Amino acid sequence: MERARVTFPARWATGNVLVVDVAGTFDDAVAAELCGLLGRMTDTGQRLFVLDFRGVEHCTTGAVRQFVGTALGTEGAPDAGSVALVAHAAARSALRAAGADRLRGGIHATLTDAIKACHPSTPEELGEPAP
């Protein structure tokens, strides 16, 4: 049986930041779809992203590693922007274990802090890192 294509609700935030919601089970198939979306949006010139993992109920180690590798690659590209993450404690732990704390935008507990971290002007605007 063919799996239905995953959709990720998205919205614009202040400063041309694209906020993408991720919910439910974050497995390899979902990670592949999200990585594809990130690549397509980068190809169109979008450079500032917040991925909102607060709706994720379960994530697999492989899926998180796949996503983090893609996100780090996106930031390493010429004229790269920033990827910030917002997640609840359990998802933050999985994301950190996969190296997501190396993302330019970091991992945050609140959407406001993640959006600010995408394009800080001063260290004070980075927001508080999530514990």
N, C-alpha and C. Protein backbone atom coordinates (compact mmCIF):
# COMPACT_ATOMS: atom_id res chain seq x y z
N MET A 1 0.83 -1.18 0.00
CA MET A 1 0.00 0.00 0.00
C MET A 1 0.88 1.24 0.00
N GLU A 2 0.55 2.19 -0.84
CA GLU A 2 1.33 3.41 -0.95
C GLU A 2 0.99 4.36 0.19
N ARG A 3 2.01 4.95 0.76
CA ARG A 3 1.83 5.89 1.86
C ARG A 3 1.45 7.26 1.32
N ALA A 4 0.52 7.91 1.97
CA ALA A 4 0.10 9.25 1.55
C ALA A 4 1.23 10.23 1.76
N ARG A 5 1.34 11.19 0.87
CA ARG A 5 2.36 12.24 0.99
C ARG A 5 2.10 13.04 2.25
N VAL A 6 3.17 13.35 2.95
CA VAL A 6 3.08 14.11 4.19
C VAL A 6 2.99 15.60 3.85
N THR A 7 2.18 16.32 4.60
CA THR A 7 2.13 17.76 4.42
C THR A 7 2.59 18.44 5.70
N PHE A 8 3.17 19.59 5.55
CA PHE A 8 3.68 20.37 6.67
C PHE A 8 3.06 21.76 6.60
N PRO A 9 2.13 22.06 7.49
CA PRO A 9 1.58 23.42 7.50
C PRO A 9 2.72 24.42 7.71
N ALA A 10 2.67 25.51 6.99
CA ALA A 10 3.72 26.52 7.09
C ALA A 10 3.09 27.91 7.11
N ARG A 11 3.81 28.84 7.70
CA ARG A 11 3.35 30.23 7.77
C ARG A 11 4.56 31.15 7.81
N TRP A 12 4.33 32.40 7.43
CA TRP A 12 5.40 33.39 7.47
C TRP A 12 5.39 34.09 8.82
N ALA A 13 6.58 34.33 9.34
CA ALA A 13 6.74 35.09 10.57
C ALA A 13 7.51 36.36 10.24
N THR A 14 7.58 37.26 11.18
CA THR A 14 8.29 38.52 11.01
C THR A 14 9.70 38.27 10.50
N GLY A 15 10.13 39.10 9.56
CA GLY A 15 11.50 39.02 9.07
C GLY A 15 11.72 37.96 8.01
N ASN A 16 10.67 37.59 7.28
CA ASN A 16 10.78 36.61 6.20
C ASN A 16 11.22 35.22 6.68
N VAL A 17 10.81 34.87 7.88
CA VAL A 17 11.10 33.54 8.43
C VAL A 17 9.94 32.61 8.09
N LEU A 18 10.27 31.47 7.50
CA LEU A 18 9.25 30.47 7.20
C LEU A 18 9.19 29.50 8.36
N VAL A 19 8.03 29.42 9.00
CA VAL A 19 7.81 28.50 10.13
C VAL A 19 7.07 27.28 9.59
N VAL A 20 7.67 26.11 9.78
CA VAL A 20 7.10 24.86 9.29
C VAL A 20 6.75 23.98 10.49
N ASP A 21 5.50 23.55 10.56
CA ASP A 21 5.04 22.70 11.66
C ASP A 21 5.27 21.23 11.33
N VAL A 22 5.82 20.50 12.30
CA VAL A 22 6.05 19.07 12.17
C VAL A 22 5.27 18.41 13.31
N ALA A 23 4.43 17.42 12.99
CA ALA A 23 3.59 16.81 14.03
C ALA A 23 3.48 15.31 13.82
N GLY A 24 3.05 14.64 14.88
CA GLY A 24 2.81 13.19 14.80
C GLY A 24 4.09 12.40 14.97
N THR A 25 4.21 11.32 14.22
CA THR A 25 5.39 10.47 14.27
C THR A 25 6.40 10.95 13.25
N PHE A 26 7.60 11.21 13.71
CA PHE A 26 8.69 11.66 12.84
C PHE A 26 9.58 10.47 12.54
N ASP A 27 9.28 9.78 11.42
CA ASP A 27 10.03 8.60 11.04
C ASP A 27 10.83 8.90 9.77
N ASP A 28 11.47 7.87 9.21
CA ASP A 28 12.33 8.07 8.04
C ASP A 28 11.59 8.68 6.85
N ALA A 29 10.37 8.22 6.61
CA ALA A 29 9.59 8.74 5.47
C ALA A 29 9.24 10.21 5.67
N VAL A 30 8.85 10.57 6.88
CA VAL A 30 8.52 11.97 7.17
C VAL A 30 9.77 12.83 7.09
N ALA A 31 10.88 12.32 7.61
CA ALA A 31 12.14 13.07 7.54
C ALA A 31 12.54 13.33 6.08
N ALA A 32 12.37 12.32 5.23
CA ALA A 32 12.71 12.48 3.81
C ALA A 32 11.84 13.57 3.18
N GLU A 33 10.56 13.58 3.49
CA GLU A 33 9.66 14.61 2.96
C GLU A 33 10.07 16.01 3.46
N LEU A 34 10.39 16.11 4.76
CA LEU A 34 10.78 17.40 5.32
C LEU A 34 12.10 17.88 4.72
N CYS A 35 13.04 16.97 4.55
CA CYS A 35 14.32 17.34 3.93
C CYS A 35 14.11 17.81 2.50
N GLY A 36 13.22 17.14 1.78
CA GLY A 36 12.90 17.56 0.42
C GLY A 36 12.29 18.95 0.39
N LEU A 37 11.38 19.22 1.31
CA LEU A 37 10.77 20.54 1.40
C LEU A 37 11.82 21.60 1.69
N LEU A 38 12.69 21.33 2.63
CA LEU A 38 13.75 22.28 2.98
C LEU A 38 14.62 22.57 1.76
N GLY A 39 14.97 21.54 1.02
CA GLY A 39 15.77 21.73 -0.19
C GLY A 39 15.05 22.53 -1.25
N ARG A 40 13.78 22.22 -1.47
CA ARG A 40 13.01 22.96 -2.48
C ARG A 40 12.86 24.43 -2.11
N MET A 41 12.60 24.69 -0.84
CA MET A 41 12.45 26.09 -0.41
C MET A 41 13.78 26.84 -0.49
N THR A 42 14.87 26.17 -0.18
CA THR A 42 16.19 26.79 -0.30
C THR A 42 16.48 27.10 -1.77
N ASP A 43 16.09 26.20 -2.66
CA ASP A 43 16.29 26.43 -4.09
C ASP A 43 15.54 27.65 -4.60
N THR A 44 14.44 28.00 -3.95
CA THR A 44 13.67 29.18 -4.38
C THR A 44 14.19 30.47 -3.75
N GLY A 45 15.20 30.35 -2.89
CA GLY A 45 15.79 31.55 -2.30
C GLY A 45 15.44 31.78 -0.84
N GLN A 46 14.61 30.93 -0.26
CA GLN A 46 14.27 31.08 1.16
C GLN A 46 15.49 30.72 2.00
N ARG A 47 15.83 31.55 2.96
CA ARG A 47 17.05 31.33 3.75
C ARG A 47 16.82 31.24 5.25
N LEU A 48 15.64 31.61 5.73
CA LEU A 48 15.39 31.64 7.17
C LEU A 48 14.25 30.68 7.50
N PHE A 49 14.55 29.68 8.31
CA PHE A 49 13.58 28.64 8.63
C PHE A 49 13.48 28.41 10.13
N VAL A 50 12.26 28.19 10.61
CA VAL A 50 12.03 27.64 11.94
C VAL A 50 11.22 26.38 11.72
N LEU A 51 11.71 25.26 12.24
CA LEU A 51 10.99 24.00 12.19
C LEU A 51 10.42 23.77 13.58
N ASP A 52 9.10 23.70 13.66
CA ASP A 52 8.40 23.59 14.93
C ASP A 52 8.06 22.12 15.21
N PHE A 53 8.85 21.51 16.09
CA PHE A 53 8.69 20.09 16.43
C PHE A 53 7.83 19.88 17.67
N ARG A 54 7.15 20.91 18.15
CA ARG A 54 6.37 20.75 19.38
C ARG A 54 5.22 19.77 19.23
N GLY A 55 4.77 19.52 18.02
CA GLY A 55 3.67 18.58 17.80
C GLY A 55 4.12 17.15 17.55
N VAL A 56 5.42 16.90 17.61
CA VAL A 56 5.94 15.55 17.38
C VAL A 56 5.69 14.69 18.62
N GLU A 57 5.04 13.56 18.41
CA GLU A 57 4.73 12.64 19.51
C GLU A 57 5.78 11.56 19.67
N HIS A 58 6.42 11.19 18.57
CA HIS A 58 7.45 10.16 18.59
C HIS A 58 8.40 10.41 17.43
N CYS A 59 9.69 10.18 17.66
CA CYS A 59 10.64 10.31 16.56
C CYS A 59 11.66 9.17 16.62
N THR A 60 12.07 8.73 15.44
CA THR A 60 13.08 7.67 15.38
C THR A 60 14.46 8.31 15.26
N THR A 61 15.45 7.60 15.75
CA THR A 61 16.83 8.11 15.74
C THR A 61 17.29 8.37 14.30
N GLY A 62 17.02 7.44 13.41
CA GLY A 62 17.44 7.60 12.01
C GLY A 62 16.81 8.81 11.35
N ALA A 63 15.54 9.05 11.63
CA ALA A 63 14.84 10.19 11.04
C ALA A 63 15.45 11.50 11.54
N VAL A 64 15.72 11.58 12.82
CA VAL A 64 16.30 12.80 13.38
C VAL A 64 17.68 13.04 12.81
N ARG A 65 18.49 12.00 12.70
CA ARG A 65 19.84 12.15 12.13
C ARG A 65 19.77 12.61 10.68
N GLN A 66 18.85 12.03 9.91
CA GLN A 66 18.69 12.41 8.51
C GLN A 66 18.32 13.89 8.40
N PHE A 67 17.36 14.32 9.20
CA PHE A 67 16.93 15.71 9.16
C PHE A 67 18.07 16.65 9.57
N VAL A 68 18.74 16.35 10.67
CA VAL A 68 19.80 17.23 11.17
C VAL A 68 20.93 17.33 10.13
N GLY A 69 21.29 16.23 9.50
CA GLY A 69 22.31 16.28 8.45
C GLY A 69 21.92 17.20 7.31
N THR A 70 20.68 17.12 6.89
CA THR A 70 20.20 18.00 5.82
C THR A 70 20.19 19.45 6.26
N ALA A 71 19.70 19.71 7.47
CA ALA A 71 19.64 21.09 7.97
C ALA A 71 21.04 21.69 8.09
N LEU A 72 21.99 20.91 8.59
CA LEU A 72 23.36 21.41 8.69
C LEU A 72 23.94 21.67 7.31
N GLY A 73 23.61 20.81 6.34
CA GLY A 73 24.06 21.02 4.96
C GLY A 73 23.46 22.27 4.35
N THR A 74 22.20 22.55 4.68
CA THR A 74 21.53 23.76 4.19
C THR A 74 22.25 25.00 4.69
N GLU A 75 22.65 24.99 5.95
CA GLU A 75 23.35 26.13 6.51
C GLU A 75 24.77 26.26 5.98
N GLY A 76 25.35 25.15 5.52
CA GLY A 76 26.72 25.16 5.03
C GLY A 76 26.84 25.58 3.57
N ALA A 77 25.72 25.74 2.89
CA ALA A 77 25.73 26.11 1.47
C ALA A 77 26.12 27.58 1.30
N PRO A 78 26.63 27.93 0.10
CA PRO A 78 26.93 29.34 -0.15
C PRO A 78 25.65 30.17 0.03
N ASP A 79 25.80 31.37 0.49
CA ASP A 79 24.71 32.32 0.81
C ASP A 79 23.65 31.68 1.70
N ALA A 80 24.09 30.83 2.61
CA ALA A 80 23.19 30.12 3.51
C ALA A 80 22.51 31.07 4.47
N GLY A 81 21.38 30.64 4.95
CA GLY A 81 20.63 31.39 5.94
C GLY A 81 20.77 30.73 7.29
N SER A 82 19.63 30.51 7.92
CA SER A 82 19.64 29.98 9.27
C SER A 82 18.46 29.04 9.46
N VAL A 83 18.71 27.97 10.21
CA VAL A 83 17.66 27.03 10.59
C VAL A 83 17.62 27.02 12.11
N ALA A 84 16.44 27.30 12.67
CA ALA A 84 16.24 27.22 14.12
C ALA A 84 15.13 26.21 14.37
N LEU A 85 15.19 25.58 15.53
CA LEU A 85 14.21 24.57 15.89
C LEU A 85 13.52 24.97 17.18
N VAL A 86 12.24 24.62 17.28
CA VAL A 86 11.50 24.76 18.54
C VAL A 86 10.90 23.38 18.82
N ALA A 87 11.08 22.93 20.07
CA ALA A 87 10.64 21.57 20.39
C ALA A 87 10.38 21.43 21.88
N HIS A 88 9.54 20.46 22.22
CA HIS A 88 9.33 20.13 23.63
C HIS A 88 10.55 19.35 24.12
N ALA A 89 10.64 19.13 25.42
CA ALA A 89 11.84 18.57 26.03
C ALA A 89 12.29 17.24 25.42
N ALA A 90 11.36 16.31 25.19
CA ALA A 90 11.75 15.00 24.66
C ALA A 90 12.32 15.13 23.24
N ALA A 91 11.70 15.93 22.41
CA ALA A 91 12.19 16.12 21.04
C ALA A 91 13.51 16.88 21.06
N ARG A 92 13.66 17.87 21.95
CA ARG A 92 14.93 18.60 22.06
C ARG A 92 16.07 17.64 22.38
N SER A 93 15.82 16.70 23.27
CA SER A 93 16.83 15.72 23.64
C SER A 93 17.26 14.89 22.43
N ALA A 94 16.30 14.40 21.65
CA ALA A 94 16.62 13.61 20.46
C ALA A 94 17.35 14.46 19.42
N LEU A 95 16.92 15.70 19.25
CA LEU A 95 17.56 16.59 18.28
C LEU A 95 18.99 16.91 18.69
N ARG A 96 19.20 17.18 19.97
CA ARG A 96 20.56 17.45 20.46
C ARG A 96 21.46 16.23 20.27
N ALA A 97 20.94 15.05 20.57
CA ALA A 97 21.74 13.82 20.42
C ALA A 97 22.20 13.63 18.97
N ALA A 98 21.43 14.15 18.02
CA ALA A 98 21.77 14.04 16.60
C ALA A 98 22.63 15.21 16.12
N GLY A 99 22.94 16.16 17.00
CA GLY A 99 23.81 17.27 16.63
C GLY A 99 23.12 18.55 16.23
N ALA A 100 21.82 18.65 16.46
CA ALA A 100 21.08 19.84 16.04
C ALA A 100 21.50 21.11 16.78
N ASP A 101 22.16 20.95 17.93
CA ASP A 101 22.61 22.15 18.64
C ASP A 101 23.71 22.87 17.87
N ARG A 102 24.24 22.27 16.80
CA ARG A 102 25.23 22.94 15.95
C ARG A 102 24.58 23.83 14.90
N LEU A 103 23.26 23.77 14.76
CA LEU A 103 22.57 24.63 13.80
C LEU A 103 22.75 26.09 14.21
N ARG A 104 22.90 26.94 13.23
CA ARG A 104 23.10 28.36 13.47
C ARG A 104 21.98 28.95 14.33
N GLY A 105 20.75 28.54 14.09
CA GLY A 105 19.62 29.08 14.83
C GLY A 105 19.39 28.43 16.18
N GLY A 106 19.96 27.25 16.40
CA GLY A 106 19.86 26.57 17.68
C GLY A 106 18.51 25.89 17.90
N ILE A 107 18.36 25.37 19.12
CA ILE A 107 17.13 24.69 19.52
C ILE A 107 16.51 25.50 20.66
N HIS A 108 15.22 25.76 20.57
CA HIS A 108 14.55 26.64 21.54
C HIS A 108 13.27 26.00 22.07
N ALA A 109 12.84 26.49 23.23
CA ALA A 109 11.60 26.02 23.83
C ALA A 109 10.40 26.84 23.35
N THR A 110 10.65 28.06 22.84
CA THR A 110 9.54 28.90 22.40
C THR A 110 9.72 29.31 20.94
N LEU A 111 8.62 29.49 20.27
CA LEU A 111 8.63 29.92 18.88
C LEU A 111 9.23 31.31 18.76
N THR A 112 8.92 32.19 19.68
CA THR A 112 9.45 33.56 19.65
C THR A 112 10.97 33.55 19.66
N ASP A 113 11.57 32.76 20.55
CA ASP A 113 13.03 32.70 20.61
C ASP A 113 13.62 32.10 19.34
N ALA A 114 12.98 31.09 18.78
CA ALA A 114 13.49 30.47 17.55
C ALA A 114 13.45 31.45 16.39
N ILE A 115 12.38 32.21 16.27
CA ILE A 115 12.28 33.21 15.20
C ILE A 115 13.35 34.28 15.37
N LYS A 116 13.54 34.77 16.58
CA LYS A 116 14.58 35.77 16.84
C LYS A 116 15.96 35.23 16.47
N ALA A 117 16.20 33.97 16.75
CA ALA A 117 17.52 33.37 16.51
C ALA A 117 17.85 33.24 15.03
N CYS A 118 16.86 33.32 14.16
CA CYS A 118 17.12 33.20 12.73
C CYS A 118 17.92 34.35 12.17
N HIS A 119 17.77 35.51 12.74
CA HIS A 119 18.51 36.66 12.24
C HIS A 119 18.78 37.66 13.37
N PRO A 120 19.62 37.25 14.33
CA PRO A 120 19.90 38.14 15.46
C PRO A 120 20.75 39.33 15.04
N SER A 121 20.49 40.46 15.66
CA SER A 121 21.32 41.64 15.46
C SER A 121 22.33 41.75 16.59
N THR A 122 21.94 41.30 17.77
CA THR A 122 22.82 41.37 18.93
C THR A 122 22.71 40.05 19.68
N PRO A 123 23.70 39.75 20.51
CA PRO A 123 23.60 38.51 21.30
C PRO A 123 22.34 38.44 22.15
N GLU A 124 21.84 39.59 22.60
CA GLU A 124 20.63 39.59 23.42
C GLU A 124 19.40 39.12 22.65
N GLU A 125 19.42 39.28 21.34
CA GLU A 125 18.28 38.89 20.52
C GLU A 125 18.26 37.39 20.18
N LEU A 126 19.27 36.66 20.60
CA LEU A 126 19.31 35.23 20.32
C LEU A 126 18.23 34.46 21.04
N GLY A 127 17.74 34.99 22.14
CA GLY A 127 16.76 34.26 22.93
C GLY A 127 17.48 33.29 23.84
N GLU A 128 16.76 32.76 24.76
CA GLU A 128 17.33 31.83 25.71
C GLU A 128 17.39 30.43 25.13
N PRO A 129 18.56 29.77 25.20
CA PRO A 129 18.59 28.39 24.74
C PRO A 129 17.72 27.52 25.66
N ALA A 130 17.14 26.53 25.06
CA ALA A 130 16.27 25.63 25.85
C ALA A 130 17.14 24.70 26.68
N PRO A 131 16.69 24.41 27.90
CA PRO A 131 17.48 23.49 28.76
C PRO A 131 17.45 22.07 28.22
